[in-house]
């Protein structure tokens, strides 16, 4: 009798999980459609890159801090602690998001300090926290190629993602940074990222002493603050064909549209929860962190 009840319970769980996946797929589809309609309306009305001035200012500030941030990371001898510090830097940088009304208000009123943001992150364990599992893999294996879907301009890309990508390069991993084709909110675009990396390289083409011959920048073909991975550019699809690590950074790409996306290789979804509704859905706190490793 007990075995029969367990069979019925398992059947109901599987049925519910299948329905939940369908519901999530529909929700993600609606979210992408709403973002696409919004961007189309803005462009038709002449608003093509409405945060360009702010992006340029924040990029310049972040570039001036890049050397100090990298030196702070390099000074950490313990590899696990250095990795965690790099991850915290990604979260701290991801706060610069003008797509969040609350953070946009804070930014316009007080500005943002990258180092203060690193220190003021919510405590672990985060709402999804696979950092310890990732640390174990980091020490055991070296990925051949990583695709990183980047998010915002300013501290996010320059002080968060680029130091992390540099560390991957030091481990012998080829890194492909995938950025938007067209502007959307304060998200990084492909031409902007090419220019920023050019400014950060020294006369030998290195990134703070690290060879960048294995660092590539690709146009993702995307023009939204979220992403539909079935519609990336042909260039990126080709570059990703032999990748063994995919990283989706930011709430739009890593949480709202691809948190439950499944890959044939290792994947990492990393971002800060900046909408109350998303925090409630995940069962976490506002400004909680997601570090999901599969």
C-alpha atoms as a PDB file:
ATOM      1  CA  UNK A   1       0.000   0.000   0.000  1.00  0.00           C
ATOM      2  CA  UNK A   2       2.814   2.393   0.917  1.00  0.00           C
ATOM      3  CA  UNK A   3       4.656   1.645  -2.329  1.00  0.00           C
ATOM      4  CA  UNK A   4       1.459   2.355  -4.306  1.00  0.00           C
ATOM      5  CA  UNK A   5       1.006   5.712  -2.532  1.00  0.00           C
ATOM      6  CA  UNK A   6       4.608   6.611  -3.267  1.00  0.00           C
ATOM      7  CA  UNK A   7       4.075   5.777  -6.943  1.00  0.00           C
ATOM      8  CA  UNK A   8       1.026   8.094  -7.092  1.00  0.00           C
ATOM      9  CA  UNK A   9       2.962  10.821  -5.275  1.00  0.00           C
ATOM     10  CA  UNK A  10       5.874  10.526  -7.705  1.00  0.00           C
ATOM     11  CA  UNK A  11       3.459  10.658 -10.643  1.00  0.00           C
ATOM     12  CA  UNK A  12       1.887  13.873  -9.290  1.00  0.00           C
ATOM     13  CA  UNK A  13       5.301  15.439  -8.651  1.00  0.00           C
ATOM     14  CA  UNK A  14       6.453  14.677 -12.197  1.00  0.00           C
ATOM     15  CA  UNK A  15       3.179  15.984 -13.632  1.00  0.00           C
ATOM     16  CA  UNK A  16       3.466  19.193 -11.611  1.00  0.00           C
ATOM     17  CA  UNK A  17       7.120  19.724 -12.548  1.00  0.00           C
ATOM     18  CA  UNK A  18       6.310  19.281 -16.253  1.00  0.00           C
ATOM     19  CA  UNK A  19       3.459  21.801 -15.959  1.00  0.00           C
ATOM     20  CA  UNK A  20       5.701  24.196 -14.038  1.00  0.00           C
ATOM     21  CA  UNK A  21       8.302  24.040 -16.792  1.00  0.00           C
ATOM     22  CA  UNK A  22       5.602  24.826 -19.358  1.00  0.00           C
ATOM     23  CA  UNK A  23       4.347  27.745 -17.280  1.00  0.00           C
ATOM     24  CA  UNK A  24       7.875  29.129 -16.862  1.00  0.00           C
ATOM     25  CA  UNK A  25       8.503  28.794 -20.598  1.00  0.00           C
ATOM     26  CA  UNK A  26       5.339  30.772 -21.381  1.00  0.00           C
ATOM     27  CA  UNK A  27       6.225  33.440 -18.798  1.00  0.00           C
ATOM     28  CA  UNK A  28       9.732  33.844 -20.238  1.00  0.00           C
ATOM     29  CA  UNK A  29       8.274  34.100 -23.742  1.00  0.00           C
ATOM     30  CA  UNK A  30       5.921  36.894 -22.648  1.00  0.00           C
ATOM     31  CA  UNK A  31       8.761  38.731 -20.877  1.00  0.00           C
ATOM     32  CA  UNK A  32      10.958  38.654 -23.995  1.00  0.00           C
ATOM     33  CA  UNK A  33       8.031  39.832 -26.144  1.00  0.00           C
ATOM     34  CA  UNK A  34       7.251  42.735 -23.800  1.00  0.00           C
ATOM     35  CA  UNK A  35      10.916  43.811 -23.816  1.00  0.00           C
ATOM     36  CA  UNK A  36      11.004  43.613 -27.611  1.00  0.00           C
ATOM     37  CA  UNK A  37       7.862  45.744 -27.978  1.00  0.00           C
ATOM     38  CA  UNK A  38       9.230  48.328 -25.526  1.00  0.00           C
ATOM     39  CA  UNK A  39      12.552  48.629 -27.373  1.00  0.00           C
ATOM     40  CA  UNK A  40      10.810  48.863 -30.741  1.00  0.00           C
ATOM     41  CA  UNK A  41       8.523  51.672 -29.545  1.00  0.00           C
ATOM     42  CA  UNK A  42      11.446  53.599 -28.021  1.00  0.00           C
ATOM     43  CA  UNK A  43      13.483  53.354 -31.236  1.00  0.00           C
ATOM     44  CA  UNK A  44      10.545  54.362 -33.418  1.00  0.00           C
ATOM     45  CA  UNK A  45      10.166  57.469 -31.243  1.00  0.00           C
ATOM     46  CA  UNK A  46      13.839  58.331 -31.659  1.00  0.00           C
ATOM     47  CA  UNK A  47      15.151  57.046 -28.296  1.00  0.00           C
ATOM     48  CA  UNK A  48      18.016  54.847 -29.451  1.00  0.00           C
ATOM     49  CA  UNK A  49      20.647  55.089 -26.707  1.00  0.00           C
ATOM     50  CA  UNK A  50      19.049  57.123 -23.959  1.00  0.00           C
ATOM     51  CA  UNK A  51      21.685  56.361 -21.285  1.00  0.00           C
ATOM     52  CA  UNK A  52      24.774  56.923 -23.463  1.00  0.00           C
ATOM     53  CA  UNK A  53      26.026  59.915 -21.451  1.00  0.00           C
ATOM     54  CA  UNK A  54      25.673  58.021 -18.171  1.00  0.00           C
ATOM     55  CA  UNK A  55      27.321  54.910 -19.643  1.00  0.00           C
ATOM     56  CA  UNK A  56      30.292  56.906 -20.927  1.00  0.00           C
ATOM     57  CA  UNK A  57      30.764  58.589 -17.534  1.00  0.00           C
ATOM     58  CA  UNK A  58      30.538  55.318 -15.606  1.00  0.00           C
ATOM     59  CA  UNK A  59      32.877  53.549 -18.044  1.00  0.00           C
ATOM     60  CA  UNK A  60      35.484  56.282 -17.530  1.00  0.00           C
ATOM     61  CA  UNK A  61      35.171  56.019 -13.725  1.00  0.00           C
ATOM     62  CA  UNK A  62      35.449  52.232 -13.796  1.00  0.00           C
ATOM     63  CA  UNK A  63      38.468  52.284 -16.133  1.00  0.00           C
ATOM     64  CA  UNK A  64      40.270  54.552 -13.645  1.00  0.00           C
ATOM     65  CA  UNK A  65      39.683  51.951 -10.893  1.00  0.00           C
ATOM     66  CA  UNK A  66      40.512  48.836 -12.932  1.00  0.00           C
ATOM     67  CA  UNK A  67      44.204  48.593 -11.974  1.00  0.00           C
ATOM     68  CA  UNK A  68      43.465  48.941  -8.237  1.00  0.00           C
ATOM     69  CA  UNK A  69      40.681  46.329  -8.329  1.00  0.00           C
ATOM     70  CA  UNK A  70      42.863  43.816 -10.206  1.00  0.00           C
ATOM     71  CA  UNK A  71      45.784  44.420  -7.838  1.00  0.00           C
ATOM     72  CA  UNK A  72      43.536  43.811  -4.828  1.00  0.00           C
ATOM     73  CA  UNK A  73      42.431  40.497  -6.329  1.00  0.00           C
ATOM     74  CA  UNK A  74      45.949  39.437  -7.301  1.00  0.00           C
ATOM     75  CA  UNK A  75      47.158  40.121  -3.755  1.00  0.00           C
ATOM     76  CA  UNK A  76      44.912  37.332  -2.424  1.00  0.00           C
ATOM     77  CA  UNK A  77      47.149  34.264  -2.402  1.00  0.00           C
ATOM     78  CA  UNK A  78      44.516  31.660  -1.502  1.00  0.00           C
ATOM     79  CA  UNK A  79      42.915  30.650  -4.810  1.00  0.00           C
ATOM     80  CA  UNK A  80      39.490  29.896  -3.316  1.00  0.00           C
ATOM     81  CA  UNK A  81      39.355  33.236  -1.491  1.00  0.00           C
ATOM     82  CA  UNK A  82      40.511  35.052  -4.614  1.00  0.00           C
ATOM     83  CA  UNK A  83      37.768  33.374  -6.658  1.00  0.00           C
ATOM     84  CA  UNK A  84      35.123  34.347  -4.099  1.00  0.00           C
ATOM     85  CA  UNK A  85      36.383  37.931  -4.130  1.00  0.00           C
ATOM     86  CA  UNK A  86      36.101  37.988  -7.921  1.00  0.00           C
ATOM     87  CA  UNK A  87      32.538  36.666  -7.712  1.00  0.00           C
ATOM     88  CA  UNK A  88      31.643  39.310  -5.136  1.00  0.00           C
ATOM     89  CA  UNK A  89      33.054  41.859  -7.556  1.00  0.00           C
ATOM     90  CA  UNK A  90      30.649  40.646 -10.237  1.00  0.00           C
ATOM     91  CA  UNK A  91      27.705  41.101  -7.859  1.00  0.00           C
ATOM     92  CA  UNK A  92      28.929  44.530  -6.761  1.00  0.00           C
ATOM     93  CA  UNK A  93      29.343  45.645 -10.358  1.00  0.00           C
ATOM     94  CA  UNK A  94      25.929  44.270 -11.316  1.00  0.00           C
ATOM     95  CA  UNK A  95      24.291  46.838  -9.024  1.00  0.00           C
ATOM     96  CA  UNK A  96      24.853  49.471 -11.748  1.00  0.00           C
ATOM     97  CA  UNK A  97      21.539  48.729 -13.471  1.00  0.00           C
ATOM     98  CA  UNK A  98      19.342  51.585 -14.647  1.00  0.00           C
ATOM     99  CA  UNK A  99      16.661  49.058 -15.580  1.00  0.00           C
ATOM    100  CA  UNK A 100      15.824  48.824 -11.864  1.00  0.00           C
ATOM    101  CA  UNK A 101      13.760  51.851 -10.816  1.00  0.00           C
ATOM    102  CA  UNK A 102      14.941  51.696  -7.192  1.00  0.00           C
ATOM    103  CA  UNK A 103      18.625  51.422  -8.114  1.00  0.00           C
ATOM    104  CA  UNK A 104      18.292  54.121 -10.779  1.00  0.00           C
ATOM    105  CA  UNK A 105      16.912  56.446  -8.084  1.00  0.00           C
ATOM    106  CA  UNK A 106      19.754  55.590  -5.688  1.00  0.00           C
ATOM    107  CA  UNK A 107      22.310  56.083  -8.461  1.00  0.00           C
ATOM    108  CA  UNK A 108      20.944  59.506  -9.458  1.00  0.00           C
ATOM    109  CA  UNK A 109      20.833  60.642  -5.817  1.00  0.00           C
ATOM    110  CA  UNK A 110      23.962  59.186  -4.232  1.00  0.00           C
ATOM    111  CA  UNK A 111      26.060  57.566  -6.954  1.00  0.00           C
ATOM    112  CA  UNK A 112      27.596  54.156  -6.260  1.00  0.00           C
ATOM    113  CA  UNK A 113      30.860  52.970  -4.771  1.00  0.00           C
ATOM    114  CA  UNK A 114      32.180  49.673  -6.140  1.00  0.00           C
ATOM    115  CA  UNK A 115      34.279  48.801  -3.072  1.00  0.00           C
ATOM    116  CA  UNK A 116      31.458  49.738  -0.677  1.00  0.00           C
ATOM    117  CA  UNK A 117      29.078  47.577  -2.721  1.00  0.00           C
ATOM    118  CA  UNK A 118      31.494  44.615  -2.411  1.00  0.00           C
ATOM    119  CA  UNK A 119      31.485  44.977   1.367  1.00  0.00           C
ATOM    120  CA  UNK A 120      27.725  45.468   1.671  1.00  0.00           C
ATOM    121  CA  UNK A 121      26.500  42.430  -0.262  1.00  0.00           C
ATOM    122  CA  UNK A 122      23.904  40.294   1.501  1.00  0.00           C
ATOM    123  CA  UNK A 123      25.487  37.545   3.566  1.00  0.00           C
ATOM    124  CA  UNK A 124      25.827  33.964   2.388  1.00  0.00           C
ATOM    125  CA  UNK A 125      24.166  31.625   1.855  1.00  0.00           C
ATOM    126  CA  UNK A 126      22.579  33.497  -1.043  1.00  0.00           C
ATOM    127  CA  UNK A 127      19.140  32.567  -2.371  1.00  0.00           C
ATOM    128  CA  UNK A 128      20.864  30.236  -4.875  1.00  0.00           C
ATOM    129  CA  UNK A 129      24.407  29.541  -3.753  1.00  0.00           C
ATOM    130  CA  UNK A 130      26.523  27.010  -5.641  1.00  0.00           C
ATOM    131  CA  UNK A 131      29.763  28.914  -5.090  1.00  0.00           C
ATOM    132  CA  UNK A 132      31.372  26.174  -2.972  1.00  0.00           C
ATOM    133  CA  UNK A 133      30.639  23.569  -5.658  1.00  0.00           C
ATOM    134  CA  UNK A 134      32.103  25.896  -8.298  1.00  0.00           C
ATOM    135  CA  UNK A 135      35.208  26.431  -6.168  1.00  0.00           C
ATOM    136  CA  UNK A 136      35.785  22.666  -6.094  1.00  0.00           C
ATOM    137  CA  UNK A 137      35.520  22.441  -9.876  1.00  0.00           C
ATOM    138  CA  UNK A 138      37.733  25.508 -10.282  1.00  0.00           C
ATOM    139  CA  UNK A 139      40.515  23.724  -8.430  1.00  0.00           C
ATOM    140  CA  UNK A 140      40.040  20.421 -10.256  1.00  0.00           C
ATOM    141  CA  UNK A 141      39.499  21.319 -13.907  1.00  0.00           C
ATOM    142  CA  UNK A 142      40.345  23.893 -16.523  1.00  0.00           C
ATOM    143  CA  UNK A 143      37.720  24.778 -19.098  1.00  0.00           C
ATOM    144  CA  UNK A 144      38.812  24.995 -22.718  1.00  0.00           C
ATOM    145  CA  UNK A 145      36.456  27.793 -23.779  1.00  0.00           C
ATOM    146  CA  UNK A 146      34.029  29.989 -21.847  1.00  0.00           C
ATOM    147  CA  UNK A 147      31.258  32.099 -23.358  1.00  0.00           C
ATOM    148  CA  UNK A 148      30.274  35.013 -21.096  1.00  0.00           C
ATOM    149  CA  UNK A 149      27.083  36.911 -21.845  1.00  0.00           C
ATOM    150  CA  UNK A 150      27.800  40.325 -20.345  1.00  0.00           C
ATOM    151  CA  UNK A 151      25.259  42.743 -18.886  1.00  0.00           C
ATOM    152  CA  UNK A 152      25.731  46.384 -17.904  1.00  0.00           C
ATOM    153  CA  UNK A 153      28.265  49.081 -18.706  1.00  0.00           C
ATOM    154  CA  UNK A 154      30.486  50.708 -16.105  1.00  0.00           C
ATOM    155  CA  UNK A 155      31.555  48.815 -13.001  1.00  0.00           C
ATOM    156  CA  UNK A 156      29.586  45.726 -14.040  1.00  0.00           C
ATOM    157  CA  UNK A 157      31.693  44.864 -17.069  1.00  0.00           C
ATOM    158  CA  UNK A 158      34.948  46.633 -16.172  1.00  0.00           C
ATOM    159  CA  UNK A 159      35.337  45.883 -12.463  1.00  0.00           C
ATOM    160  CA  UNK A 160      33.207  42.742 -12.257  1.00  0.00           C
ATOM    161  CA  UNK A 161      33.340  40.642 -15.411  1.00  0.00           C
ATOM    162  CA  UNK A 162      36.730  41.616 -16.858  1.00  0.00           C
ATOM    163  CA  UNK A 163      38.777  40.737 -13.721  1.00  0.00           C
ATOM    164  CA  UNK A 164      36.931  37.385 -13.630  1.00  0.00           C
ATOM    165  CA  UNK A 165      37.567  36.813 -17.352  1.00  0.00           C
ATOM    166  CA  UNK A 166      41.237  37.711 -16.801  1.00  0.00           C
ATOM    167  CA  UNK A 167      41.449  35.029 -14.111  1.00  0.00           C
ATOM    168  CA  UNK A 168      39.995  32.476 -16.545  1.00  0.00           C
ATOM    169  CA  UNK A 169      42.644  33.492 -19.074  1.00  0.00           C
ATOM    170  CA  UNK A 170      45.323  32.885 -16.446  1.00  0.00           C
ATOM    171  CA  UNK A 171      43.934  29.353 -16.085  1.00  0.00           C
ATOM    172  CA  UNK A 172      44.377  28.741 -19.821  1.00  0.00           C
ATOM    173  CA  UNK A 173      40.717  29.181 -20.799  1.00  0.00           C
ATOM    174  CA  UNK A 174      39.785  30.907 -24.038  1.00  0.00           C
ATOM    175  CA  UNK A 175      37.186  33.550 -23.190  1.00  0.00           C
ATOM    176  CA  UNK A 176      34.504  34.923 -25.513  1.00  0.00           C
ATOM    177  CA  UNK A 177      32.666  37.988 -24.238  1.00  0.00           C
ATOM    178  CA  UNK A 178      29.252  38.273 -25.898  1.00  0.00           C
ATOM    179  CA  UNK A 179      27.707  41.745 -25.885  1.00  0.00           C
ATOM    180  CA  UNK A 180      24.533  43.269 -27.305  1.00  0.00           C
ATOM    181  CA  UNK A 181      24.324  44.348 -30.925  1.00  0.00           C
ATOM    182  CA  UNK A 182      22.219  47.443 -30.110  1.00  0.00           C
ATOM    183  CA  UNK A 183      21.805  49.605 -26.979  1.00  0.00           C
ATOM    184  CA  UNK A 184      19.179  48.691 -24.394  1.00  0.00           C
ATOM    185  CA  UNK A 185      18.945  50.581 -21.092  1.00  0.00           C
ATOM    186  CA  UNK A 186      22.568  50.791 -19.849  1.00  0.00           C
ATOM    187  CA  UNK A 187      23.642  47.401 -21.216  1.00  0.00           C
ATOM    188  CA  UNK A 188      27.058  47.006 -22.810  1.00  0.00           C
ATOM    189  CA  UNK A 189      27.163  46.870 -26.621  1.00  0.00           C
ATOM    190  CA  UNK A 190      29.682  45.120 -28.848  1.00  0.00           C
ATOM    191  CA  UNK A 191      31.360  48.313 -30.205  1.00  0.00           C
ATOM    192  CA  UNK A 192      31.599  49.768 -26.680  1.00  0.00           C
ATOM    193  CA  UNK A 193      33.205  46.611 -25.302  1.00  0.00           C
ATOM    194  CA  UNK A 194      35.786  46.470 -28.104  1.00  0.00           C
ATOM    195  CA  UNK A 195      36.746  50.076 -27.326  1.00  0.00           C
ATOM    196  CA  UNK A 196      36.943  49.494 -23.553  1.00  0.00           C
ATOM    197  CA  UNK A 197      39.209  46.453 -23.848  1.00  0.00           C
ATOM    198  CA  UNK A 198      41.433  48.384 -26.249  1.00  0.00           C
ATOM    199  CA  UNK A 199      41.807  51.122 -23.604  1.00  0.00           C
ATOM    200  CA  UNK A 200      42.597  48.621 -20.836  1.00  0.00           C
ATOM    201  CA  UNK A 201      45.308  46.735 -22.736  1.00  0.00           C
ATOM    202  CA  UNK A 202      48.895  47.870 -22.342  1.00  0.00           C
ATOM    203  CA  UNK A 203      51.395  48.468 -25.173  1.00  0.00           C
ATOM    204  CA  UNK A 204      52.094  44.708 -25.302  1.00  0.00           C
ATOM    205  CA  UNK A 205      48.413  43.870 -25.741  1.00  0.00           C
ATOM    206  CA  UNK A 206      48.175  42.457 -22.221  1.00  0.00           C
ATOM    207  CA  UNK A 207      45.526  42.927 -19.563  1.00  0.00           C
ATOM    208  CA  UNK A 208      47.509  43.697 -16.411  1.00  0.00           C
ATOM    209  CA  UNK A 209      50.261  41.233 -17.337  1.00  0.00           C
ATOM    210  CA  UNK A 210      47.931  38.577 -18.772  1.00  0.00           C
ATOM    211  CA  UNK A 211      48.099  37.663 -22.462  1.00  0.00           C
ATOM    212  CA  UNK A 212      44.839  38.450 -24.292  1.00  0.00           C
ATOM    213  CA  UNK A 213      45.369  36.422 -27.461  1.00  0.00           C
ATOM    214  CA  UNK A 214      42.681  34.059 -26.132  1.00  0.00           C
ATOM    215  CA  UNK A 215      40.229  36.878 -25.339  1.00  0.00           C
ATOM    216  CA  UNK A 216      37.575  37.414 -28.017  1.00  0.00           C
ATOM    217  CA  UNK A 217      34.641  39.820 -28.188  1.00  0.00           C
ATOM    218  CA  UNK A 218      31.543  38.728 -30.089  1.00  0.00           C
ATOM    219  CA  UNK A 219      28.316  40.389 -31.172  1.00  0.00           C
ATOM    220  CA  UNK A 220      25.524  38.350 -29.556  1.00  0.00           C
ATOM    221  CA  UNK A 221      22.948  39.617 -32.064  1.00  0.00           C
ATOM    222  CA  UNK A 222      20.776  40.667 -29.126  1.00  0.00           C
ATOM    223  CA  UNK A 223      19.117  44.049 -28.644  1.00  0.00           C
ATOM    224  CA  UNK A 224      17.264  43.476 -25.376  1.00  0.00           C
ATOM    225  CA  UNK A 225      18.081  43.543 -21.622  1.00  0.00           C
ATOM    226  CA  UNK A 226      17.068  39.854 -21.602  1.00  0.00           C
ATOM    227  CA  UNK A 227      18.087  37.201 -24.119  1.00  0.00           C
ATOM    228  CA  UNK A 228      16.554  34.422 -26.177  1.00  0.00           C
ATOM    229  CA  UNK A 229      19.409  31.980 -26.693  1.00  0.00           C
ATOM    230  CA  UNK A 230      17.711  30.505 -29.779  1.00  0.00           C
ATOM    231  CA  UNK A 231      18.240  33.831 -31.588  1.00  0.00           C
ATOM    232  CA  UNK A 232      21.932  34.614 -31.118  1.00  0.00           C
ATOM    233  CA  UNK A 233      24.107  35.712 -34.039  1.00  0.00           C
ATOM    234  CA  UNK A 234      25.638  33.154 -36.396  1.00  0.00           C
ATOM    235  CA  UNK A 235      29.082  34.348 -35.308  1.00  0.00           C
ATOM    236  CA  UNK A 236      28.375  33.613 -31.655  1.00  0.00           C
ATOM    237  CA  UNK A 237      26.678  30.294 -32.438  1.00  0.00           C
ATOM    238  CA  UNK A 238      29.832  29.208 -34.278  1.00  0.00           C
ATOM    239  CA  UNK A 239      32.157  30.373 -31.483  1.00  0.00           C
ATOM    240  CA  UNK A 240      30.014  28.593 -28.884  1.00  0.00           C
ATOM    241  CA  UNK A 241      29.936  25.253 -30.711  1.00  0.00           C
ATOM    242  CA  UNK A 242      32.943  23.903 -28.784  1.00  0.00           C
ATOM    243  CA  UNK A 243      32.479  25.831 -25.519  1.00  0.00           C
ATOM    244  CA  UNK A 244      32.536  23.825 -22.288  1.00  0.00           C
ATOM    245  CA  UNK A 245      31.409  26.669 -20.002  1.00  0.00           C
ATOM    246  CA  UNK A 246      28.579  29.156 -20.568  1.00  0.00           C
ATOM    247  CA  UNK A 247      28.133  32.083 -18.171  1.00  0.00           C
ATOM    248  CA  UNK A 248      25.003  34.246 -18.193  1.00  0.00           C
ATOM    249  CA  UNK A 249      25.439  37.360 -16.087  1.00  0.00           C
ATOM    250  CA  UNK A 250      22.796  39.758 -14.839  1.00  0.00           C
ATOM    251  CA  UNK A 251      19.194  39.524 -13.755  1.00  0.00           C
ATOM    252  CA  UNK A 252      17.707  39.743 -17.261  1.00  0.00           C
ATOM    253  CA  UNK A 253      19.910  37.132 -18.932  1.00  0.00           C
ATOM    254  CA  UNK A 254      20.933  34.939 -16.012  1.00  0.00           C
ATOM    255  CA  UNK A 255      17.811  34.923 -13.856  1.00  0.00           C
ATOM    256  CA  UNK A 256      14.623  36.144 -15.530  1.00  0.00           C
ATOM    257  CA  UNK A 257      15.006  34.336 -18.874  1.00  0.00           C
ATOM    258  CA  UNK A 258      17.571  31.539 -18.457  1.00  0.00           C
ATOM    259  CA  UNK A 259      17.789  30.490 -14.814  1.00  0.00           C
ATOM    260  CA  UNK A 260      16.399  27.046 -15.656  1.00  0.00           C
ATOM    261  CA  UNK A 261      17.949  26.754 -19.126  1.00  0.00           C
ATOM    262  CA  UNK A 262      19.789  23.465 -19.574  1.00  0.00           C
ATOM    263  CA  UNK A 263      23.070  23.148 -21.446  1.00  0.00           C
ATOM    264  CA  UNK A 264      25.178  20.291 -22.768  1.00  0.00           C
ATOM    265  CA  UNK A 265      28.180  21.815 -21.015  1.00  0.00           C
ATOM    266  CA  UNK A 266      28.864  23.438 -17.641  1.00  0.00           C
ATOM    267  CA  UNK A 267      26.847  26.588 -17.039  1.00  0.00           C
ATOM    268  CA  UNK A 268      26.847  29.432 -14.564  1.00  0.00           C
ATOM    269  CA  UNK A 269      24.004  31.893 -13.995  1.00  0.00           C
ATOM    270  CA  UNK A 270      25.082  34.807 -11.850  1.00  0.00           C
ATOM    271  CA  UNK A 271      23.290  38.028 -10.959  1.00  0.00           C
ATOM    272  CA  UNK A 272      21.775  40.207  -8.292  1.00  0.00           C
ATOM    273  CA  UNK A 273      18.020  40.130  -7.610  1.00  0.00           C
ATOM    274  CA  UNK A 274      16.886  43.727  -8.128  1.00  0.00           C
ATOM    275  CA  UNK A 275      13.105  43.353  -8.439  1.00  0.00           C
ATOM    276  CA  UNK A 276      10.927  42.535  -5.440  1.00  0.00           C
ATOM    277  CA  UNK A 277       8.726  40.212  -7.517  1.00  0.00           C
ATOM    278  CA  UNK A 278      11.737  38.135  -8.578  1.00  0.00           C
ATOM    279  CA  UNK A 279      12.959  37.975  -4.977  1.00  0.00           C
ATOM    280  CA  UNK A 280       9.553  36.691  -3.847  1.00  0.00           C
ATOM    281  CA  UNK A 281       9.455  34.110  -6.658  1.00  0.00           C
ATOM    282  CA  UNK A 282      12.867  32.768  -5.639  1.00  0.00           C
ATOM    283  CA  UNK A 283      12.072  32.925  -1.918  1.00  0.00           C
ATOM    284  CA  UNK A 284      14.909  35.340  -1.227  1.00  0.00           C
ATOM    285  CA  UNK A 285      15.565  38.951  -0.303  1.00  0.00           C
ATOM    286  CA  UNK A 286      15.720  42.048  -2.460  1.00  0.00           C
ATOM    287  CA  UNK A 287      19.377  42.485  -3.567  1.00  0.00           C
ATOM    288  CA  UNK A 288      20.007  38.828  -2.820  1.00  0.00           C
ATOM    289  CA  UNK A 289      22.494  37.032  -5.063  1.00  0.00           C
ATOM    290  CA  UNK A 290      22.094  34.122  -7.455  1.00  0.00           C
ATOM    291  CA  UNK A 291      25.077  31.880  -8.203  1.00  0.00           C
ATOM    292  CA  UNK A 292      23.712  28.814  -9.972  1.00  0.00           C
ATOM    293  CA  UNK A 293      26.270  26.310 -11.246  1.00  0.00           C
ATOM    294  CA  UNK A 294      25.362  23.205 -13.243  1.00  0.00           C
END
